[in-house]
Amino acid sequence: MDYRDFVSGIRQAYQHTGGIKTLCLGSFDKDWFQQIQAECAWIIKNAGSSDVTMAGHVTNWTRPTGQVRQFSLFNDTGNSADTKGDYGYLGDARRKRLVYPNLPALSRFASMFQPALRNLRLNGMGLKSALSAHEEESISISRFGPRYIVRFHAPIFTNPNAFVYLDDERFHFEEGKLYLFHHGCVHAASNTGQDLRYHLVFDCFLDRALFERIFPGTPSPDVGYEKDCQPVHGESFHFENFVKEDNSVITGDIAYGRRAPGLMTYYRRRWPSVFGAA
């Protein structure tokens, strides 16, 4: 797969008409991953976290249920309970920093994605817990054209009954692997197993340099990360409804007509009266 084919697949999935929903991009060597697990276990035990089920949480619009806990590991305050750095624009990363730079395995992990890293979160899901179906705006537009944000998952602790959902399919992600997770799809997550589920979840600003570092076809950015792009096989699943970022709820078919923005979208938004008159 080349970069243009990847972007085309991302745009198609954004419109809920197939495309690239998820890929298993590679795996981490055993020793490094065990170090990552140990450092994440330390964070879970010792660090402050935010409660996604609280009404004021930045992610509460996703309608969480049960116990959903988040550690924000890349921000400008150094506070793992501070969610203000979870989002932002290209260039914001210059003022952000790792909350725990003294944890070497996680610092090494984050370095694979910099300077494209937008956020880095350790997301926990308790027993009988979930994030309901929702849709995010993963493509923005400027006078230079579309800007793509891509999301990745690295499962740290999971169980066979922890699932993610993407556009009418259900998937299980395995520990020790890196996954592309297209958050522009209608998506959700659940844990009905007997163990807690923790994933490193993070967004990056997509460009050709990031694509070449993380996807097969070029040398790996770290000797402990083996590239191996593979499809992830899911099971059929149907959403009854889902919520958009503006809190509106869509009921029925996910293919409701959303279009991926292009350069003309910028001009129409910038000068609506001109295009309206036409």
Foldseek 3Di string as FASTA:
>chain_A
DAPVLQVVLLQCLLLLNHRDAKKFWWFFDDVLLVLVLVVVVCCVVDADWEWLCDPPDPNVLLPKDDGKIKFWFKAQPLHRHDCPQQADDPPRSVRIDGSCCVSPSVVVVVVLAPPFWRTKMKMKADAFIKGHWEAEDQWDADLVKIWGKWKKKAWNDADPQKWKDFSQWIFDDDHRTMMTGSRRTGMMIGHNDPDMTIIIMTMGTDDNVSCQQRHPDHDHPDPRIDTDIGHTDTHGGDHQWYAYPVRDIDGDHSSPPDGRDTNVVNVCVVCVVVVVVD
